[in-house]
N, C-alpha and C. Protein backbone atom coordinates (compact mmCIF):
# COMPACT_ATOMS: atom_id res chain seq x y z
N MET A 1 54.94 -47.30 -51.68
CA MET A 1 56.56 -47.04 -52.86
C MET A 1 55.62 -46.39 -53.20
N ARG A 2 56.43 -45.13 -53.57
CA ARG A 2 56.29 -44.34 -54.74
C ARG A 2 57.61 -44.64 -56.27
N ILE A 3 56.82 -45.06 -57.18
CA ILE A 3 56.85 -45.66 -58.39
C ILE A 3 56.63 -44.84 -59.37
N VAL A 4 57.96 -44.39 -60.11
CA VAL A 4 57.92 -43.34 -61.62
C VAL A 4 58.16 -44.17 -62.74
N ILE A 5 57.24 -43.83 -63.37
CA ILE A 5 57.58 -44.57 -64.98
C ILE A 5 57.33 -43.85 -66.12
N ALA A 6 58.81 -44.53 -66.63
CA ALA A 6 59.17 -43.36 -68.19
C ALA A 6 58.29 -44.17 -69.06
N GLY A 7 57.72 -43.51 -70.27
CA GLY A 7 56.76 -43.59 -71.17
C GLY A 7 55.72 -44.00 -70.40
N GLY A 8 54.66 -43.33 -69.50
CA GLY A 8 53.82 -43.78 -68.80
C GLY A 8 52.47 -43.89 -69.72
N HIS A 9 52.16 -43.46 -70.80
CA HIS A 9 51.32 -43.29 -71.80
C HIS A 9 50.71 -44.77 -72.63
N GLY A 10 52.48 -46.00 -72.78
CA GLY A 10 52.15 -46.73 -72.98
C GLY A 10 51.34 -48.02 -72.85
N GLN A 11 51.29 -48.43 -73.58
CA GLN A 11 50.05 -49.89 -73.53
C GLN A 11 50.40 -50.59 -72.09
N ILE A 12 52.06 -50.95 -72.07
CA ILE A 12 51.96 -51.63 -70.78
C ILE A 12 51.81 -50.74 -69.58
N ALA A 13 52.68 -49.34 -70.03
CA ALA A 13 52.91 -48.72 -68.73
C ALA A 13 51.13 -48.25 -67.88
N LEU A 14 50.56 -47.87 -69.09
CA LEU A 14 49.11 -47.79 -68.56
C LEU A 14 48.15 -49.33 -67.26
N ARG A 15 48.72 -50.35 -67.89
CA ARG A 15 48.20 -51.51 -67.25
C ARG A 15 48.84 -51.51 -65.70
N LEU A 16 50.50 -50.67 -66.04
CA LEU A 16 51.03 -51.43 -64.71
C LEU A 16 50.76 -50.46 -63.93
N GLU A 17 50.20 -49.13 -64.50
CA GLU A 17 50.27 -47.74 -63.18
C GLU A 17 48.83 -48.30 -62.85
N ARG A 18 47.86 -49.02 -63.65
CA ARG A 18 46.57 -49.04 -62.69
C ARG A 18 46.46 -50.74 -61.80
N LEU A 19 47.78 -51.63 -61.81
CA LEU A 19 47.97 -52.25 -60.77
C LEU A 19 48.67 -52.12 -59.72
N LEU A 20 49.51 -51.07 -60.14
CA LEU A 20 50.54 -50.61 -58.52
C LEU A 20 49.25 -49.40 -58.03
N ALA A 21 48.55 -48.69 -58.77
CA ALA A 21 48.01 -48.25 -57.92
C ALA A 21 46.52 -48.49 -57.33
N ALA A 22 46.15 -49.49 -57.92
CA ALA A 22 45.27 -50.24 -57.01
C ALA A 22 45.79 -51.33 -55.41
N ARG A 23 46.70 -51.31 -55.60
CA ARG A 23 47.72 -52.22 -55.04
C ARG A 23 48.24 -51.02 -53.58
N GLY A 24 47.83 -49.89 -53.97
CA GLY A 24 48.26 -48.74 -52.91
C GLY A 24 49.46 -48.40 -53.23
N ASP A 25 50.19 -48.21 -54.18
CA ASP A 25 51.11 -47.69 -54.34
C ASP A 25 50.63 -45.92 -54.91
N GLU A 26 51.85 -44.85 -54.84
CA GLU A 26 51.71 -43.80 -54.87
C GLU A 26 52.56 -44.11 -56.55
N VAL A 27 52.20 -43.51 -57.80
CA VAL A 27 52.59 -44.03 -59.25
C VAL A 27 52.50 -42.43 -59.92
N ALA A 28 54.10 -42.38 -60.76
CA ALA A 28 53.76 -40.98 -61.28
C ALA A 28 54.16 -41.47 -62.89
N GLY A 29 53.59 -41.23 -63.93
CA GLY A 29 54.22 -41.18 -65.06
C GLY A 29 54.22 -40.46 -65.94
N ILE A 30 55.76 -40.79 -66.18
CA ILE A 30 56.41 -39.77 -67.30
C ILE A 30 55.76 -39.75 -68.75
N ILE A 31 54.72 -38.56 -69.05
CA ILE A 31 54.74 -38.79 -70.83
C ILE A 31 54.93 -37.35 -71.37
N ARG A 32 55.14 -37.51 -72.54
CA ARG A 32 55.31 -36.38 -73.72
C ARG A 32 54.43 -34.74 -74.18
N LYS A 33 53.47 -35.80 -73.86
CA LYS A 33 52.04 -35.03 -74.48
C LYS A 33 51.32 -34.77 -72.81
N ALA A 34 50.97 -33.42 -72.76
CA ALA A 34 49.97 -32.95 -72.11
C ALA A 34 48.10 -33.62 -72.02
N GLU A 35 48.21 -33.54 -73.44
CA GLU A 35 46.74 -34.27 -73.29
C GLU A 35 46.73 -35.54 -73.43
N GLN A 36 47.29 -36.54 -73.18
CA GLN A 36 47.31 -37.79 -72.44
C GLN A 36 47.41 -38.09 -70.96
N ALA A 37 47.16 -36.74 -70.44
CA ALA A 37 47.43 -36.86 -68.78
C ALA A 37 46.32 -37.24 -68.26
N ASP A 38 45.14 -37.25 -68.85
CA ASP A 38 43.64 -37.79 -68.43
C ASP A 38 43.85 -39.19 -68.55
N ASP A 39 44.13 -39.84 -69.48
CA ASP A 39 43.90 -41.26 -69.46
C ASP A 39 45.30 -41.81 -68.20
N LEU A 40 46.41 -40.68 -67.52
CA LEU A 40 46.89 -41.57 -66.72
C LEU A 40 46.06 -41.62 -65.30
N ARG A 41 45.22 -40.55 -65.34
CA ARG A 41 44.88 -39.98 -63.63
C ARG A 41 43.23 -40.97 -63.97
N GLU A 42 43.00 -41.22 -65.18
CA GLU A 42 42.11 -42.21 -65.21
C GLU A 42 42.88 -43.61 -64.54
N ALA A 43 43.90 -44.02 -64.75
CA ALA A 43 44.59 -45.50 -64.38
C ALA A 43 44.93 -44.99 -62.69
N GLY A 44 45.41 -44.24 -62.29
CA GLY A 44 45.59 -44.12 -60.95
C GLY A 44 47.00 -43.31 -60.82
N ALA A 45 47.45 -42.91 -61.85
CA ALA A 45 48.27 -42.12 -61.71
C ALA A 45 48.95 -40.78 -61.72
N GLU A 46 50.15 -40.14 -61.75
CA GLU A 46 49.80 -38.64 -61.55
C GLU A 46 51.23 -38.17 -63.00
N PRO A 47 50.35 -37.59 -63.72
CA PRO A 47 50.97 -37.80 -65.09
C PRO A 47 52.38 -36.33 -64.50
N VAL A 48 53.09 -36.64 -65.83
CA VAL A 48 54.67 -35.83 -65.39
C VAL A 48 54.64 -35.50 -67.04
N VAL A 49 54.71 -34.25 -67.18
CA VAL A 49 54.73 -33.78 -68.50
C VAL A 49 56.44 -33.38 -68.69
N LEU A 50 57.04 -34.35 -69.79
CA LEU A 50 58.45 -34.36 -70.07
C LEU A 50 59.06 -34.98 -70.92
N ASP A 51 59.79 -34.64 -71.71
CA ASP A 51 59.86 -34.89 -73.39
C ASP A 51 61.55 -35.38 -72.94
N LEU A 52 61.25 -36.53 -72.89
CA LEU A 52 63.05 -37.70 -72.61
C LEU A 52 63.82 -37.22 -73.81
N GLU A 53 63.66 -36.76 -74.57
CA GLU A 53 64.08 -36.56 -76.21
C GLU A 53 64.94 -35.00 -75.55
N SER A 54 64.56 -34.33 -75.22
CA SER A 54 65.10 -33.11 -75.14
C SER A 54 65.37 -32.70 -73.39
N ALA A 55 64.89 -33.65 -72.90
CA ALA A 55 65.25 -33.33 -71.67
C ALA A 55 66.62 -33.54 -70.98
N SER A 56 67.30 -32.97 -69.76
CA SER A 56 68.67 -32.90 -69.39
C SER A 56 68.35 -34.10 -68.06
N VAL A 57 69.72 -34.76 -67.90
CA VAL A 57 69.58 -35.37 -66.49
C VAL A 57 68.86 -35.02 -65.45
N ASP A 58 69.24 -33.35 -65.36
CA ASP A 58 68.82 -33.14 -63.69
C ASP A 58 67.54 -33.03 -63.88
N GLU A 59 67.12 -32.36 -64.93
CA GLU A 59 65.46 -32.42 -64.91
C GLU A 59 64.30 -33.92 -64.83
N VAL A 60 64.98 -34.76 -65.28
CA VAL A 60 64.53 -35.97 -64.95
C VAL A 60 65.04 -36.37 -63.58
N ALA A 61 66.04 -36.43 -63.25
CA ALA A 61 66.59 -36.85 -61.92
C ALA A 61 65.64 -35.60 -60.97
N ASP A 62 65.10 -34.94 -61.26
CA ASP A 62 64.22 -34.14 -60.14
C ASP A 62 62.88 -34.41 -59.95
N ARG A 63 62.47 -35.20 -61.37
CA ARG A 63 61.28 -36.17 -60.73
C ARG A 63 61.17 -37.30 -60.74
N LEU A 64 62.23 -37.87 -59.87
CA LEU A 64 62.79 -38.96 -59.89
C LEU A 64 63.13 -38.97 -58.19
N ARG A 65 63.75 -37.87 -57.70
CA ARG A 65 64.45 -37.97 -56.64
C ARG A 65 62.80 -38.01 -55.50
N GLY A 66 62.96 -38.62 -54.44
CA GLY A 66 61.82 -39.49 -53.53
C GLY A 66 61.06 -40.99 -54.02
N ALA A 67 61.74 -40.90 -55.11
CA ALA A 67 61.15 -42.27 -55.77
C ALA A 67 61.67 -43.51 -55.19
N ASP A 68 60.78 -44.74 -54.56
CA ASP A 68 61.34 -46.05 -54.63
C ASP A 68 62.35 -47.01 -55.21
N ALA A 69 61.62 -46.50 -56.59
CA ALA A 69 61.80 -47.42 -57.55
C ALA A 69 61.21 -46.64 -59.00
N ALA A 70 62.12 -47.21 -60.02
CA ALA A 70 61.79 -46.34 -61.68
C ALA A 70 61.73 -47.76 -61.98
N VAL A 71 60.63 -47.17 -63.47
CA VAL A 71 60.75 -48.36 -64.38
C VAL A 71 60.97 -47.87 -65.91
N PHE A 72 61.44 -47.48 -66.35
CA PHE A 72 61.67 -47.86 -67.72
C PHE A 72 60.70 -48.24 -69.01
N ALA A 73 59.68 -47.94 -69.08
CA ALA A 73 58.71 -48.47 -70.53
C ALA A 73 58.65 -47.71 -71.38
N ALA A 74 59.69 -46.61 -72.12
CA ALA A 74 59.05 -46.02 -73.35
C ALA A 74 59.78 -46.45 -74.49
N GLY A 75 59.44 -46.12 -75.20
CA GLY A 75 59.51 -46.50 -76.44
C GLY A 75 58.84 -45.66 -78.16
N ALA A 76 60.10 -46.44 -79.35
CA ALA A 76 59.67 -45.01 -80.01
C ALA A 76 58.67 -45.59 -81.12
N GLY A 77 58.06 -46.66 -80.35
CA GLY A 77 56.85 -46.99 -81.53
C GLY A 77 57.14 -47.72 -82.92
N PRO A 78 55.92 -48.61 -82.78
CA PRO A 78 56.42 -49.83 -84.63
C PRO A 78 56.17 -48.75 -85.47
N GLY A 79 55.72 -47.33 -85.66
CA GLY A 79 55.80 -46.64 -87.15
C GLY A 79 56.74 -45.42 -86.94
N SER A 80 57.78 -45.80 -86.15
CA SER A 80 58.62 -44.90 -85.90
C SER A 80 60.44 -45.23 -86.91
N GLY A 81 61.17 -44.33 -87.23
CA GLY A 81 61.97 -44.78 -88.16
C GLY A 81 62.96 -44.99 -87.19
N ALA A 82 64.40 -44.52 -87.77
CA ALA A 82 65.90 -45.72 -87.40
C ALA A 82 66.02 -44.17 -86.09
N ALA A 83 65.72 -42.91 -86.45
CA ALA A 83 66.32 -41.92 -85.53
C ALA A 83 65.57 -42.03 -84.38
N ARG A 84 64.41 -42.25 -83.98
CA ARG A 84 63.83 -42.37 -83.15
C ARG A 84 64.09 -43.55 -82.24
N LYS A 85 64.81 -44.28 -83.02
CA LYS A 85 64.91 -45.85 -82.11
C LYS A 85 66.26 -45.37 -81.18
N ASP A 86 66.89 -44.47 -81.71
CA ASP A 86 68.42 -44.02 -81.43
C ASP A 86 68.19 -43.45 -79.94
N THR A 87 67.23 -42.02 -80.54
CA THR A 87 66.80 -41.63 -79.68
C THR A 87 66.07 -41.74 -78.40
N VAL A 88 65.10 -42.66 -78.44
CA VAL A 88 63.94 -43.14 -77.15
C VAL A 88 64.62 -44.54 -76.98
N ASP A 89 64.55 -45.18 -77.85
CA ASP A 89 64.91 -46.76 -77.52
C ASP A 89 66.82 -46.21 -76.75
N LYS A 90 67.08 -46.06 -76.88
CA LYS A 90 68.81 -46.01 -76.62
C LYS A 90 68.54 -45.20 -75.15
N ALA A 91 68.89 -43.73 -75.68
CA ALA A 91 69.16 -42.43 -75.64
C ALA A 91 68.79 -42.19 -74.47
N ALA A 92 67.19 -42.14 -74.56
CA ALA A 92 66.16 -41.60 -73.61
C ALA A 92 66.26 -43.28 -71.86
N ALA A 93 66.53 -44.26 -72.59
CA ALA A 93 67.17 -45.67 -71.84
C ALA A 93 68.41 -44.63 -70.66
N VAL A 94 69.25 -44.46 -71.52
CA VAL A 94 70.58 -43.96 -70.78
C VAL A 94 70.77 -42.99 -70.02
N LEU A 95 69.61 -42.05 -70.86
CA LEU A 95 69.14 -40.53 -69.93
C LEU A 95 67.92 -41.36 -68.88
N PHE A 96 67.81 -41.96 -68.57
CA PHE A 96 66.39 -41.97 -67.96
C PHE A 96 67.58 -43.05 -66.19
N ALA A 97 68.24 -43.89 -66.65
CA ALA A 97 69.26 -44.48 -65.79
C ALA A 97 70.20 -43.64 -65.49
N ASP A 98 70.89 -42.74 -65.47
CA ASP A 98 71.70 -41.68 -65.54
C ASP A 98 70.92 -40.57 -64.54
N ALA A 99 69.91 -40.62 -64.42
CA ALA A 99 69.41 -39.78 -63.87
C ALA A 99 68.85 -40.76 -62.50
N ALA A 100 68.29 -41.82 -63.36
CA ALA A 100 67.83 -42.20 -61.27
C ALA A 100 68.91 -42.52 -60.77
N VAL A 101 70.50 -42.69 -60.71
CA VAL A 101 71.13 -42.78 -60.02
C VAL A 101 71.53 -41.40 -59.54
N LYS A 102 71.67 -40.30 -60.32
CA LYS A 102 71.59 -38.84 -59.48
C LYS A 102 70.36 -38.45 -59.10
N ALA A 103 69.78 -38.81 -58.69
CA ALA A 103 69.02 -38.75 -58.00
C ALA A 103 68.05 -40.07 -56.62
N GLY A 104 69.30 -40.72 -56.50
CA GLY A 104 69.22 -41.71 -55.63
C GLY A 104 68.24 -42.51 -55.65
N VAL A 105 67.49 -43.06 -56.44
CA VAL A 105 66.88 -44.34 -57.01
C VAL A 105 67.36 -45.51 -57.67
N ARG A 106 67.71 -46.20 -56.34
CA ARG A 106 68.51 -47.21 -56.45
C ARG A 106 67.75 -48.36 -57.59
N ARG A 107 66.71 -48.61 -57.04
CA ARG A 107 66.05 -49.65 -58.42
C ARG A 107 65.35 -49.43 -59.20
N LEU A 108 65.74 -50.07 -60.28
CA LEU A 108 65.21 -49.92 -61.90
C LEU A 108 64.96 -51.04 -62.56
N VAL A 109 63.84 -50.99 -62.90
CA VAL A 109 63.13 -51.62 -63.68
C VAL A 109 63.01 -51.71 -65.30
N VAL A 110 63.82 -51.91 -66.31
CA VAL A 110 64.15 -51.70 -67.63
C VAL A 110 63.17 -52.74 -68.66
N VAL A 111 62.13 -52.61 -69.42
CA VAL A 111 60.97 -53.15 -70.15
C VAL A 111 62.20 -53.17 -71.91
N SER A 112 62.98 -54.33 -71.70
CA SER A 112 63.65 -54.37 -73.29
C SER A 112 62.39 -54.88 -73.90
N SER A 113 63.84 -55.97 -75.28
CA SER A 113 63.32 -56.78 -76.13
C SER A 113 63.95 -57.72 -75.88
N MET A 114 62.86 -58.96 -75.69
CA MET A 114 63.74 -60.20 -76.81
C MET A 114 64.64 -60.64 -77.70
N GLY A 115 66.05 -60.40 -77.50
CA GLY A 115 66.65 -60.45 -78.97
C GLY A 115 67.45 -59.32 -79.00
N ALA A 116 67.25 -58.48 -78.25
CA ALA A 116 67.94 -57.09 -78.20
C ALA A 116 69.46 -57.95 -77.53
N ASP A 117 70.38 -57.22 -78.75
CA ASP A 117 72.03 -57.07 -78.88
C ASP A 117 72.52 -55.64 -79.64
N PRO A 118 73.41 -55.34 -78.63
CA PRO A 118 74.27 -54.38 -79.40
C PRO A 118 74.71 -54.75 -80.71
N GLN A 119 75.35 -56.30 -80.82
CA GLN A 119 75.84 -56.89 -81.89
C GLN A 119 75.18 -57.26 -83.19
N HIS A 120 73.63 -56.62 -82.71
CA HIS A 120 72.65 -57.55 -83.80
C HIS A 120 72.09 -57.24 -85.32
N GLU A 121 73.10 -58.37 -86.38
CA GLU A 121 73.12 -57.61 -87.79
C GLU A 121 71.91 -56.83 -88.02
N GLY A 122 71.69 -56.16 -89.21
CA GLY A 122 70.88 -56.17 -90.29
C GLY A 122 70.70 -54.62 -90.46
N ASP A 123 69.71 -54.40 -91.32
CA ASP A 123 69.48 -52.59 -91.75
C ASP A 123 68.25 -52.14 -91.97
N GLU A 124 67.71 -53.23 -91.36
CA GLU A 124 65.96 -52.89 -91.45
C GLU A 124 65.68 -51.98 -89.62
N ILE A 125 64.36 -52.05 -89.85
CA ILE A 125 63.86 -50.72 -88.99
C ILE A 125 64.77 -51.46 -87.85
N PHE A 126 63.73 -52.77 -87.93
CA PHE A 126 63.59 -53.75 -86.32
C PHE A 126 64.86 -54.03 -86.11
N ASP A 127 66.14 -54.39 -87.18
CA ASP A 127 67.35 -54.42 -86.83
C ASP A 127 68.15 -53.10 -86.00
N VAL A 128 67.60 -52.10 -86.56
CA VAL A 128 68.62 -50.99 -86.07
C VAL A 128 67.33 -51.15 -84.23
N TYR A 129 66.19 -51.29 -84.09
CA TYR A 129 65.50 -51.24 -82.94
C TYR A 129 66.50 -52.19 -81.35
N GLN A 130 66.36 -53.44 -82.30
CA GLN A 130 66.94 -54.28 -81.41
C GLN A 130 68.71 -53.55 -81.11
N ARG A 131 69.45 -53.31 -82.08
CA ARG A 131 70.43 -52.74 -81.07
C ARG A 131 70.67 -51.96 -80.43
N ALA A 132 69.54 -50.87 -80.95
CA ALA A 132 69.40 -49.82 -79.77
C ALA A 132 69.37 -50.20 -78.48
N LYS A 133 68.08 -51.08 -78.35
CA LYS A 133 67.76 -51.80 -77.12
C LYS A 133 68.89 -52.61 -76.20
N GLY A 134 69.64 -53.72 -77.23
CA GLY A 134 70.74 -53.78 -76.55
C GLY A 134 71.95 -52.84 -76.17
N GLU A 135 72.00 -51.50 -76.86
CA GLU A 135 73.32 -50.66 -76.23
C GLU A 135 72.49 -50.38 -74.86
N ALA A 136 71.58 -49.65 -74.85
CA ALA A 136 70.85 -49.58 -73.89
C ALA A 136 70.91 -49.81 -72.88
N ASP A 137 70.74 -51.48 -72.59
CA ASP A 137 71.04 -53.07 -71.88
C ASP A 137 72.25 -52.73 -71.17
N ALA A 138 73.04 -52.54 -71.92
CA ALA A 138 74.45 -53.13 -72.01
C ALA A 138 75.10 -51.79 -71.01
N TYR A 139 74.37 -50.26 -71.16
CA TYR A 139 74.89 -49.51 -70.41
C TYR A 139 74.02 -49.59 -69.07
N VAL A 140 72.91 -49.93 -68.75
CA VAL A 140 72.60 -50.26 -67.20
C VAL A 140 73.13 -51.38 -66.67
N ARG A 141 73.45 -52.35 -67.56
CA ARG A 141 73.88 -53.47 -66.79
C ARG A 141 75.54 -52.87 -66.30
N GLY A 142 76.33 -51.65 -66.85
CA GLY A 142 77.39 -51.62 -66.15
C GLY A 142 77.46 -50.17 -65.18
N LEU A 143 76.15 -50.14 -64.09
CA LEU A 143 75.54 -49.01 -63.76
C LEU A 143 75.53 -49.54 -62.21
N ASN A 144 76.54 -49.75 -61.16
CA ASN A 144 76.58 -49.95 -60.33
C ASN A 144 76.02 -49.76 -59.00
N ALA A 145 75.59 -48.37 -59.34
CA ALA A 145 74.55 -47.86 -58.29
C ALA A 145 73.07 -47.74 -58.45
N LEU A 146 72.43 -49.05 -59.45
CA LEU A 146 71.65 -49.34 -59.53
C LEU A 146 71.58 -50.74 -59.09
N ASP A 147 70.23 -51.21 -58.91
CA ASP A 147 69.80 -52.31 -58.72
C ASP A 147 68.54 -52.60 -59.80
N TRP A 148 69.39 -52.81 -60.75
CA TRP A 148 68.42 -53.24 -61.80
C TRP A 148 67.82 -54.62 -62.30
N THR A 149 67.04 -54.36 -62.95
CA THR A 149 66.58 -55.56 -63.88
C THR A 149 65.82 -55.42 -65.06
N ILE A 150 66.76 -56.62 -65.88
CA ILE A 150 66.00 -56.08 -67.61
C ILE A 150 65.02 -57.06 -67.56
N LEU A 151 63.81 -56.92 -68.48
CA LEU A 151 62.51 -57.77 -68.73
C LEU A 151 62.91 -57.76 -70.18
N ARG A 152 62.51 -58.75 -70.82
CA ARG A 152 62.39 -59.41 -72.37
C ARG A 152 61.59 -59.27 -72.34
N PRO A 153 60.16 -59.18 -72.47
CA PRO A 153 59.30 -60.23 -73.26
C PRO A 153 59.44 -60.35 -74.63
N GLY A 154 58.37 -61.31 -74.98
CA GLY A 154 58.44 -62.14 -76.27
C GLY A 154 57.27 -61.46 -76.94
N GLN A 155 56.72 -61.62 -77.68
CA GLN A 155 56.15 -61.36 -78.65
C GLN A 155 54.32 -60.85 -77.90
N LEU A 156 54.45 -59.62 -77.92
CA LEU A 156 53.58 -58.67 -76.97
C LEU A 156 51.76 -58.58 -77.84
N THR A 157 50.80 -59.18 -76.78
CA THR A 157 49.69 -59.43 -77.45
C THR A 157 48.55 -58.80 -76.36
N ASP A 158 47.59 -58.35 -77.10
CA ASP A 158 46.58 -58.00 -76.59
C ASP A 158 45.05 -58.72 -76.02
N ASP A 159 45.77 -60.33 -75.90
CA ASP A 159 45.30 -61.35 -75.52
C ASP A 159 44.80 -61.00 -73.72
N ALA A 160 43.68 -61.43 -73.28
CA ALA A 160 43.31 -61.86 -72.01
C ALA A 160 44.42 -62.24 -70.82
N SER A 161 44.79 -62.16 -70.23
CA SER A 161 45.50 -62.34 -69.27
C SER A 161 45.69 -63.86 -68.66
N THR A 162 46.38 -64.70 -68.69
CA THR A 162 46.38 -65.85 -67.87
C THR A 162 47.07 -66.38 -66.44
N GLY A 163 47.74 -65.54 -66.35
CA GLY A 163 48.17 -64.58 -65.11
C GLY A 163 49.08 -66.02 -65.05
N LEU A 164 49.58 -66.62 -66.38
CA LEU A 164 50.52 -67.95 -66.17
C LEU A 164 51.61 -67.77 -67.01
N VAL A 165 53.02 -67.91 -66.91
CA VAL A 165 53.99 -67.19 -67.28
C VAL A 165 55.17 -68.19 -67.13
N ARG A 166 56.19 -68.27 -68.12
CA ARG A 166 57.64 -68.62 -68.21
C ARG A 166 58.93 -67.35 -67.56
N LEU A 167 59.21 -67.19 -66.95
CA LEU A 167 60.27 -66.50 -66.48
C LEU A 167 61.50 -67.21 -66.44
N GLU A 168 62.53 -66.49 -67.12
CA GLU A 168 64.07 -67.42 -67.40
C GLU A 168 64.83 -66.53 -68.25
N ALA A 169 66.21 -66.64 -67.63
CA ALA A 169 67.27 -66.17 -68.46
C ALA A 169 67.21 -66.01 -69.66
N ARG A 170 66.59 -67.66 -70.27
CA ARG A 170 66.58 -68.20 -72.35
C ARG A 170 65.30 -68.56 -71.35
N THR A 171 64.09 -68.01 -72.21
CA THR A 171 62.39 -69.00 -72.13
C THR A 171 62.30 -69.42 -73.93
N GLY A 172 63.48 -68.91 -75.28
CA GLY A 172 62.96 -69.18 -76.34
C GLY A 172 61.86 -67.91 -76.56
N ARG A 173 61.29 -68.43 -78.01
CA ARG A 173 60.53 -66.84 -78.40
C ARG A 173 58.79 -67.47 -78.27
N GLY A 174 57.74 -66.75 -77.90
CA GLY A 174 56.52 -66.87 -77.58
C GLY A 174 56.27 -65.47 -77.35
N PRO A 175 54.32 -65.74 -77.30
CA PRO A 175 53.80 -64.84 -77.41
C PRO A 175 53.79 -64.39 -75.50
N ILE A 176 53.35 -63.65 -75.53
CA ILE A 176 52.46 -63.04 -73.66
C ILE A 176 51.89 -62.06 -73.79
N PRO A 177 50.52 -61.82 -73.22
CA PRO A 177 50.01 -61.05 -73.17
C PRO A 177 50.40 -59.35 -72.34
N ARG A 178 50.56 -58.19 -72.93
CA ARG A 178 50.56 -57.26 -72.29
C ARG A 178 49.95 -57.12 -70.65
N ASP A 179 48.67 -57.63 -70.46
CA ASP A 179 48.58 -57.51 -69.08
C ASP A 179 49.52 -58.18 -68.43
N ASP A 180 49.71 -59.50 -68.56
CA ASP A 180 50.79 -60.32 -68.14
C ASP A 180 51.87 -59.47 -67.76
N VAL A 181 52.80 -59.20 -68.60
CA VAL A 181 54.17 -58.33 -68.59
C VAL A 181 54.06 -57.33 -67.60
N ALA A 182 52.82 -56.73 -67.82
CA ALA A 182 52.18 -55.70 -66.67
C ALA A 182 52.37 -56.52 -65.11
N ALA A 183 51.70 -57.56 -64.94
CA ALA A 183 51.70 -58.09 -64.23
C ALA A 183 53.21 -58.90 -63.77
N VAL A 184 53.78 -59.42 -64.20
CA VAL A 184 54.92 -59.41 -63.82
C VAL A 184 55.91 -58.17 -63.35
N LEU A 185 55.79 -56.75 -64.51
CA LEU A 185 56.77 -55.83 -63.87
C LEU A 185 56.53 -55.23 -62.31
N ALA A 186 54.85 -55.48 -62.24
CA ALA A 186 54.56 -54.97 -61.05
C ALA A 186 55.35 -55.90 -59.56
N GLU A 187 55.65 -56.88 -60.18
CA GLU A 187 56.17 -57.86 -58.79
C GLU A 187 57.92 -57.80 -58.84
N LEU A 188 58.04 -57.31 -60.19
CA LEU A 188 59.50 -57.22 -60.35
C LEU A 188 60.11 -56.10 -59.35
N VAL A 189 59.28 -54.88 -59.98
CA VAL A 189 59.30 -53.39 -58.45
C VAL A 189 59.79 -54.00 -57.30
N ASP A 190 58.76 -54.81 -56.60
CA ASP A 190 58.69 -55.22 -55.31
C ASP A 190 59.84 -56.09 -55.14
N THR A 191 60.35 -56.73 -56.13
CA THR A 191 61.62 -57.90 -55.67
C THR A 191 62.82 -57.82 -56.05
N ALA A 192 63.80 -56.80 -54.84
CA ALA A 192 65.18 -56.66 -55.11
C ALA A 192 66.10 -57.57 -55.40
N ALA A 193 65.24 -58.71 -55.44
CA ALA A 193 66.33 -60.18 -55.11
C ALA A 193 66.92 -60.40 -56.39
N THR A 194 65.82 -59.54 -57.82
CA THR A 194 65.63 -59.85 -58.99
C THR A 194 66.80 -58.91 -59.67
N ALA A 195 67.67 -57.73 -58.57
CA ALA A 195 68.53 -57.47 -59.44
C ALA A 195 69.83 -57.80 -59.36
N GLY A 196 70.31 -57.45 -60.98
CA GLY A 196 71.50 -57.99 -61.89
C GLY A 196 70.70 -59.20 -62.94
N LEU A 197 69.71 -59.49 -63.20
CA LEU A 197 69.19 -60.27 -63.60
C LEU A 197 68.55 -59.63 -64.64
N THR A 198 68.60 -60.23 -65.86
CA THR A 198 68.00 -59.93 -67.42
C THR A 198 67.37 -61.38 -67.70
N LEU A 199 66.11 -61.42 -68.11
CA LEU A 199 65.26 -62.40 -67.66
C LEU A 199 63.90 -62.03 -68.91
N GLU A 200 63.95 -63.20 -69.47
CA GLU A 200 62.98 -63.39 -70.82
C GLU A 200 61.76 -63.82 -69.96
N LEU A 201 60.46 -63.31 -70.82
CA LEU A 201 59.16 -63.53 -70.21
C LEU A 201 58.19 -64.04 -71.83
N ILE A 202 57.51 -65.23 -71.60
CA ILE A 202 56.78 -65.63 -72.19
C ILE A 202 55.50 -66.53 -71.35
N SER A 203 54.18 -66.80 -72.30
CA SER A 203 52.95 -66.96 -71.29
C SER A 203 53.94 -68.34 -71.25
N GLY A 204 53.33 -68.84 -69.53
CA GLY A 204 53.78 -70.35 -69.60
C GLY A 204 53.46 -70.92 -68.77
N PRO A 205 53.66 -71.62 -67.99
CA PRO A 205 52.95 -72.86 -66.47
C PRO A 205 52.97 -72.25 -65.15
N ALA A 206 53.97 -71.07 -65.31
CA ALA A 206 53.35 -71.13 -63.51
C ALA A 206 53.24 -69.47 -63.27
N PRO A 207 52.54 -69.47 -61.87
CA PRO A 207 51.61 -68.12 -61.48
C PRO A 207 53.05 -66.96 -61.71
N VAL A 208 52.01 -65.96 -61.52
CA VAL A 208 53.19 -64.59 -62.07
C VAL A 208 54.29 -64.62 -60.80
N SER A 209 53.30 -64.70 -59.51
CA SER A 209 53.99 -64.44 -58.24
C SER A 209 55.20 -65.81 -57.96
N VAL A 210 54.82 -67.15 -58.22
CA VAL A 210 55.58 -68.06 -58.65
C VAL A 210 57.00 -68.16 -59.21
N ALA A 211 56.51 -67.37 -60.57
CA ALA A 211 57.78 -67.59 -61.06
C ALA A 211 58.68 -66.31 -60.97
N VAL A 212 58.26 -65.25 -60.29
CA VAL A 212 59.01 -64.37 -59.86
C VAL A 212 59.95 -64.78 -58.79
N LYS A 213 59.19 -65.07 -57.70
CA LYS A 213 60.14 -65.75 -56.79
C LYS A 213 60.99 -66.80 -57.32
N SER A 214 60.93 -67.76 -58.20
CA SER A 214 61.28 -68.61 -58.93
C SER A 214 62.73 -68.04 -59.26
N VAL A 215 63.03 -67.34 -59.88
CA VAL A 215 63.81 -66.42 -60.23
C VAL A 215 64.46 -65.96 -58.94
N ALA A 216 63.91 -65.48 -58.60
CA ALA A 216 64.64 -64.40 -57.69
C ALA A 216 65.77 -65.36 -56.54
N GLY A 217 64.93 -66.70 -56.49
CA GLY A 217 65.88 -67.42 -55.68
C GLY A 217 66.93 -68.58 -56.27
N ASN A 218 66.82 -67.98 -57.03
CA ASN A 218 68.20 -69.04 -58.30
C ASN A 218 69.52 -68.21 -58.26
């Protein structure tokens, strides 16, 4: 498979790129800064320099054309202000989804946030983030031309992978190592039967492959 990942230099994205490349997939990661390219090459991914905050739908579609699947893993980051929550966490996600439609890439997996909700209340930066992610998710859900899956991890940690997760429509809050998020994403990209699902993810009792097969069968 050829898989294009938005936010290719992110902590989860780099882990995902290593997993996909190791199993023989062709991986490209969209990055904003050319100096990040070597990190992607070391992960086994082709770097694609493109700023999703200023790119057009056509420009993004050109990079997606020919892919079997796309993953949106971009984010403004914890140090960013409210404006970039809108331009990255919402607008870039919408742009990427529209570009996937235009490029004819049906399979899209979106990394969202547990609790994301367009109606989320509050004025803190995290509240703005939750609204932005919720609005992006709602937009993706409305695109019938996509076989989308939305993944909402719990509290991200850098703990070692356990390979054991809980993946359900509602899990309740809890931690999850970034390594395990990447492993779940790698499985979801391959599992079209999860299309149309919004899933929460925390550490739990089930091996990753078992957890993904379980939700795909429901």
